[in-house]
């Protein structure tokens, strides 16, 4: 059986700022209907990767493939309402010729926005929700969301979870909302230090379970390797400590954001 090609692929992506590597050989592949989250500390390059996937930023080296027939929508952190008289006209501008215009009404209602509002009068949180309605309305092939739960209350977050899970759109997601990620994603790409990333099957909780198990096995193997005089003395313990530090940093960040 011939497998369908990915609809989005980032291959061996490199990017440096001021001589320091931000992305070092990153690979990312998105299949139709797949829902992926990027997990890492602030400044690790998550938003930059998302912008590259959207075509809004370019790597210094590496290749990016987007399926020619795929539609892509990217959630802008700072939406531009210039030229739009109402929230409805702004959200509807994201629709394609064959898309259902009723989707805009439905989304604005669930996001707590009135279609006849002047976009210039929106608060920061309302502006973000209008931008979310705009990218969700056309049900694109690829949906790129950077912190979509910001400024949403719990019932609206739960509604958004359901929308994304039942959607046919493939998704790349950045969020510090651990519960939201666990309820939505099918795979997790984690920053593991030194500008490198690694993909794990399943949710964030699945990654934590897998990495803790691997770290424990590495730590158990380290003393045996040392006794045998292997050249990699202490490597298992060192990798275990590195994994613990990565998990600890992310756990602290999630606790802070939850508070």
Protein backbone atom coordinates (compact mmCIF):
# COMPACT_ATOMS: atom_id res chain seq x y z
CA UNK A 1 0.00 0.00 0.00
CA UNK A 2 1.36 3.42 -0.96
CA UNK A 3 1.29 5.94 1.87
CA UNK A 4 0.05 9.45 1.11
CA UNK A 5 2.77 12.10 1.32
CA UNK A 6 2.72 14.51 4.27
CA UNK A 7 0.87 17.77 3.73
CA UNK A 8 3.61 19.68 5.57
CA UNK A 9 7.24 18.80 6.17
CA UNK A 10 10.13 20.72 7.72
CA UNK A 11 13.41 18.94 7.03
CA UNK A 12 16.76 19.64 8.77
CA UNK A 13 15.83 23.20 9.76
CA UNK A 14 18.63 25.43 11.09
CA UNK A 15 18.39 28.98 12.40
CA UNK A 16 20.76 31.04 14.54
CA UNK A 17 20.48 34.45 16.17
CA UNK A 18 23.67 36.34 17.01
CA UNK A 19 25.73 33.21 16.46
CA UNK A 20 23.72 31.13 18.95
CA UNK A 21 21.67 28.29 17.38
CA UNK A 22 17.92 28.55 17.92
CA UNK A 23 16.96 25.59 15.73
CA UNK A 24 19.51 22.86 15.02
CA UNK A 25 18.48 20.21 12.50
CA UNK A 26 14.77 20.22 13.38
CA UNK A 27 12.48 17.80 11.51
CA UNK A 28 8.69 18.06 11.58
CA UNK A 29 6.18 16.13 9.51
CA UNK A 30 2.41 16.63 9.53
CA UNK A 31 -0.02 14.05 8.18
CA UNK A 32 -3.66 14.79 7.25
CA UNK A 33 -5.76 15.00 10.41
CA UNK A 34 -2.76 14.78 12.76
CA UNK A 35 -2.72 17.09 15.80
CA UNK A 36 0.76 17.99 17.05
CA UNK A 37 1.88 20.20 19.93
CA UNK A 38 5.25 21.90 20.38
CA UNK A 39 6.47 21.77 23.98
CA UNK A 40 9.46 23.71 25.27
CA UNK A 41 10.61 26.55 27.47
CA UNK A 42 10.12 30.17 26.42
CA UNK A 43 12.69 31.17 23.80
CA UNK A 44 13.21 27.63 22.49
CA UNK A 45 11.88 28.51 19.02
CA UNK A 46 8.29 27.22 19.15
CA UNK A 47 6.68 30.32 17.63
CA UNK A 48 9.47 30.61 15.06
CA UNK A 49 8.82 27.03 13.90
CA UNK A 50 5.12 27.79 13.61
CA UNK A 51 5.82 30.90 11.52
CA UNK A 52 8.09 28.87 9.25
CA UNK A 53 5.32 26.32 8.75
CA UNK A 54 2.99 29.20 7.82
CA UNK A 55 5.51 30.68 5.38
CA UNK A 56 5.99 33.82 7.48
CA UNK A 57 9.64 33.09 8.33
CA UNK A 58 12.46 31.30 6.55
CA UNK A 59 15.25 29.08 7.91
CA UNK A 60 18.92 29.71 7.22
CA UNK A 61 19.14 26.16 5.87
CA UNK A 62 16.83 23.20 5.43
CA UNK A 63 13.76 22.52 3.31
CA UNK A 64 10.06 23.19 3.85
CA UNK A 65 7.39 21.35 1.86
CA UNK A 66 3.72 22.37 1.84
CA UNK A 67 1.32 20.34 -0.24
CA UNK A 68 0.33 22.59 -3.16
CA UNK A 69 -3.40 22.01 -2.75
CA UNK A 70 -3.47 22.41 1.04
CA UNK A 71 -5.03 25.46 2.68
CA UNK A 72 -3.23 26.92 5.70
CA UNK A 73 -4.47 29.27 8.42
CA UNK A 74 -2.21 30.78 11.09
CA UNK A 75 -3.50 32.38 14.31
CA UNK A 76 -1.90 35.80 14.40
CA UNK A 77 -0.94 37.08 17.86
CA UNK A 78 -1.65 40.67 16.74
CA UNK A 79 -4.59 40.67 14.27
CA UNK A 80 -4.85 43.52 11.77
CA UNK A 81 -8.40 44.91 11.51
CA UNK A 82 -7.54 47.66 9.03
CA UNK A 83 -10.25 47.95 6.37
CA UNK A 84 -12.90 45.93 8.26
CA UNK A 85 -15.98 47.72 9.58
CA UNK A 86 -17.35 44.81 11.61
CA UNK A 87 -16.06 41.77 13.44
CA UNK A 88 -18.17 39.59 11.14
CA UNK A 89 -16.59 41.00 7.97
CA UNK A 90 -13.12 40.44 9.44
CA UNK A 91 -13.85 36.82 10.38
CA UNK A 92 -15.57 36.10 7.05
CA UNK A 93 -12.52 37.33 5.13
CA UNK A 94 -10.82 34.04 6.00
CA UNK A 95 -13.43 32.00 4.10
CA UNK A 96 -12.82 30.47 0.70
CA UNK A 97 -15.37 30.47 -2.16
CA UNK A 98 -16.81 27.08 -1.21
CA UNK A 99 -16.83 27.59 2.58
CA UNK A 100 -20.02 27.88 4.62
CA UNK A 101 -20.61 31.51 5.73
CA UNK A 102 -22.75 30.30 8.63
CA UNK A 103 -19.55 29.04 10.27
CA UNK A 104 -18.67 32.64 11.07
CA UNK A 105 -21.94 33.25 12.90
CA UNK A 106 -21.59 29.98 14.79
CA UNK A 107 -18.00 30.68 15.87
CA UNK A 108 -18.58 34.29 16.91
CA UNK A 109 -21.53 33.19 19.05
CA UNK A 110 -19.48 30.56 20.89
CA UNK A 111 -16.56 32.94 21.31
CA UNK A 112 -18.78 35.61 22.86
CA UNK A 113 -18.52 38.19 20.07
CA UNK A 114 -21.19 40.21 18.26
CA UNK A 115 -20.80 40.27 14.50
CA UNK A 116 -21.77 43.95 14.21
CA UNK A 117 -19.08 45.14 16.63
CA UNK A 118 -16.51 47.64 15.40
CA UNK A 119 -13.14 45.83 15.48
CA UNK A 120 -11.48 49.03 16.67
CA UNK A 121 -13.52 48.81 19.89
CA UNK A 122 -12.37 45.29 20.81
CA UNK A 123 -10.26 44.61 23.86
CA UNK A 124 -7.05 42.60 23.49
CA UNK A 125 -8.83 39.40 24.50
CA UNK A 126 -11.75 40.05 22.14
CA UNK A 127 -9.34 40.75 19.29
CA UNK A 128 -7.66 37.37 19.85
CA UNK A 129 -11.03 35.61 19.81
CA UNK A 130 -11.97 37.35 16.57
CA UNK A 131 -8.69 36.15 15.06
CA UNK A 132 -9.48 32.62 16.28
CA UNK A 133 -12.90 32.75 14.56
CA UNK A 134 -11.24 33.84 11.33
CA UNK A 135 -8.80 30.91 11.18
CA UNK A 136 -11.33 28.30 12.30
CA UNK A 137 -14.12 29.39 9.93
CA UNK A 138 -12.78 27.87 6.68
CA UNK A 139 -11.80 24.54 8.30
CA UNK A 140 -8.40 24.56 6.54
CA UNK A 141 -6.25 21.54 5.76
CA UNK A 142 -3.55 22.88 8.11
CA UNK A 143 -4.30 24.93 11.22
CA UNK A 144 -1.44 26.63 13.09
CA UNK A 145 -2.41 27.90 16.54
CA UNK A 146 -0.13 29.85 18.90
CA UNK A 147 -1.65 30.03 22.40
CA UNK A 148 -5.30 29.77 21.26
CA UNK A 149 -6.68 29.50 24.82
CA UNK A 150 -5.38 32.90 25.92
CA UNK A 151 -8.27 35.12 27.10
CA UNK A 152 -10.76 32.22 27.00
CA UNK A 153 -12.78 31.11 30.02
CA UNK A 154 -13.02 27.44 30.97
CA UNK A 155 -16.34 26.66 29.20
CA UNK A 156 -15.03 28.23 25.98
CA UNK A 157 -11.75 26.30 26.24
CA UNK A 158 -13.71 23.07 26.61
CA UNK A 159 -15.82 24.02 23.59
CA UNK A 160 -12.64 24.72 21.59
CA UNK A 161 -11.23 21.32 22.59
CA UNK A 162 -14.29 19.65 21.09
CA UNK A 163 -14.08 21.73 17.91
CA UNK A 164 -10.45 20.80 17.31
CA UNK A 165 -10.91 17.11 18.08
CA UNK A 166 -13.81 16.72 15.65
CA UNK A 167 -12.20 18.93 12.98
CA UNK A 168 -10.63 17.36 9.89
CA UNK A 169 -7.86 19.97 9.94
CA UNK A 170 -4.32 18.89 10.69
CA UNK A 171 -3.04 20.96 13.59
CA UNK A 172 0.20 22.30 15.03
CA UNK A 173 -0.44 23.81 18.43
CA UNK A 174 1.47 25.82 21.02
CA UNK A 175 -0.07 26.17 24.46
CA UNK A 176 0.93 26.27 28.11
CA UNK A 177 -2.45 24.78 29.05
CA UNK A 178 -1.46 21.22 29.91
CA UNK A 179 -5.01 19.90 30.22
CA UNK A 180 -5.94 21.41 26.84
CA UNK A 181 -2.95 19.77 25.17
CA UNK A 182 -3.65 16.36 26.70
CA UNK A 183 -7.25 16.50 25.47
CA UNK A 184 -6.44 17.56 21.90
CA UNK A 185 -3.10 16.36 20.51
CA UNK A 186 -2.09 13.03 18.98
CA UNK A 187 1.70 13.58 19.11
CA UNK A 188 4.13 15.81 20.99
CA UNK A 189 7.34 17.43 19.75
CA UNK A 190 9.58 18.37 22.67
CA UNK A 191 12.54 20.73 22.97
CA UNK A 192 15.35 18.69 24.53
CA UNK A 193 18.12 21.29 24.75
CA UNK A 194 20.93 22.38 22.42
CA UNK A 195 18.37 23.68 19.89
CA UNK A 196 17.20 20.10 19.22
CA UNK A 197 13.67 18.67 19.19
CA UNK A 198 12.28 15.13 19.38
CA UNK A 199 8.84 13.74 18.51
CA UNK A 200 6.85 11.41 20.79
CA UNK A 201 3.61 9.59 20.02
CA UNK A 202 0.66 10.66 22.12
CA UNK A 203 -0.09 13.51 24.50
CA UNK A 204 2.16 15.51 26.82
CA UNK A 205 1.37 13.02 29.59
CA UNK A 206 2.44 10.18 27.30
CA UNK A 207 5.74 11.99 26.68
CA UNK A 208 6.32 12.49 30.41
CA UNK A 209 5.67 8.80 31.06
CA UNK A 210 7.94 7.64 28.21
CA UNK A 211 10.79 9.99 29.07
CA UNK A 212 10.70 9.15 32.79
CA UNK A 213 10.83 5.44 31.94
CA UNK A 214 13.76 5.98 29.55
CA UNK A 215 15.62 8.12 32.10
CA UNK A 216 15.20 5.44 34.76
CA UNK A 217 16.58 2.76 32.43
CA UNK A 218 19.55 4.98 31.50
CA UNK A 219 20.30 5.66 35.16
CA UNK A 220 20.21 1.92 35.94
CA UNK A 221 22.57 1.17 33.04
CA UNK A 222 25.14 3.83 34.03
CA UNK A 223 26.72 2.02 37.04
CA UNK A 224 27.10 -1.18 35.02
CA UNK A 225 28.79 0.72 32.19
CA UNK A 226 31.14 2.37 34.68
CA UNK A 227 32.08 -0.97 36.25
CA UNK A 228 32.86 -2.41 32.84
CA UNK A 229 35.06 0.56 32.05
CA UNK A 230 32.96 1.57 29.08
CA UNK A 231 34.06 4.76 27.40
CA UNK A 232 30.70 6.43 28.02
CA UNK A 233 30.95 6.39 31.85
CA UNK A 234 28.07 8.30 33.43
CA UNK A 235 26.30 9.00 30.13
CA UNK A 236 23.07 7.32 31.27
CA UNK A 237 22.97 9.26 34.52
CA UNK A 238 23.80 12.51 32.73
CA UNK A 239 21.01 11.96 30.20
CA UNK A 240 18.63 11.12 33.02
CA UNK A 241 19.55 14.37 34.78
CA UNK A 242 19.08 16.31 31.54
CA UNK A 243 15.63 14.75 31.08
CA UNK A 244 14.72 15.55 34.69
CA UNK A 245 15.79 19.17 34.19
CA UNK A 246 13.72 19.49 31.00
CA UNK A 247 10.65 18.00 32.66
CA UNK A 248 11.18 20.12 35.78
CA UNK A 249 11.45 23.35 33.77
CA UNK A 250 8.26 22.61 31.84
CA UNK A 251 6.39 21.50 34.96
CA UNK A 252 7.34 24.76 36.72
CA UNK A 253 6.20 26.74 33.69
CA UNK A 254 2.85 24.93 33.59
CA UNK A 255 2.34 25.52 37.33
CA UNK A 256 3.08 29.22 36.88
CA UNK A 257 0.71 29.60 33.91
CA UNK A 258 -2.04 27.65 35.70
CA UNK A 259 -1.79 29.96 38.72
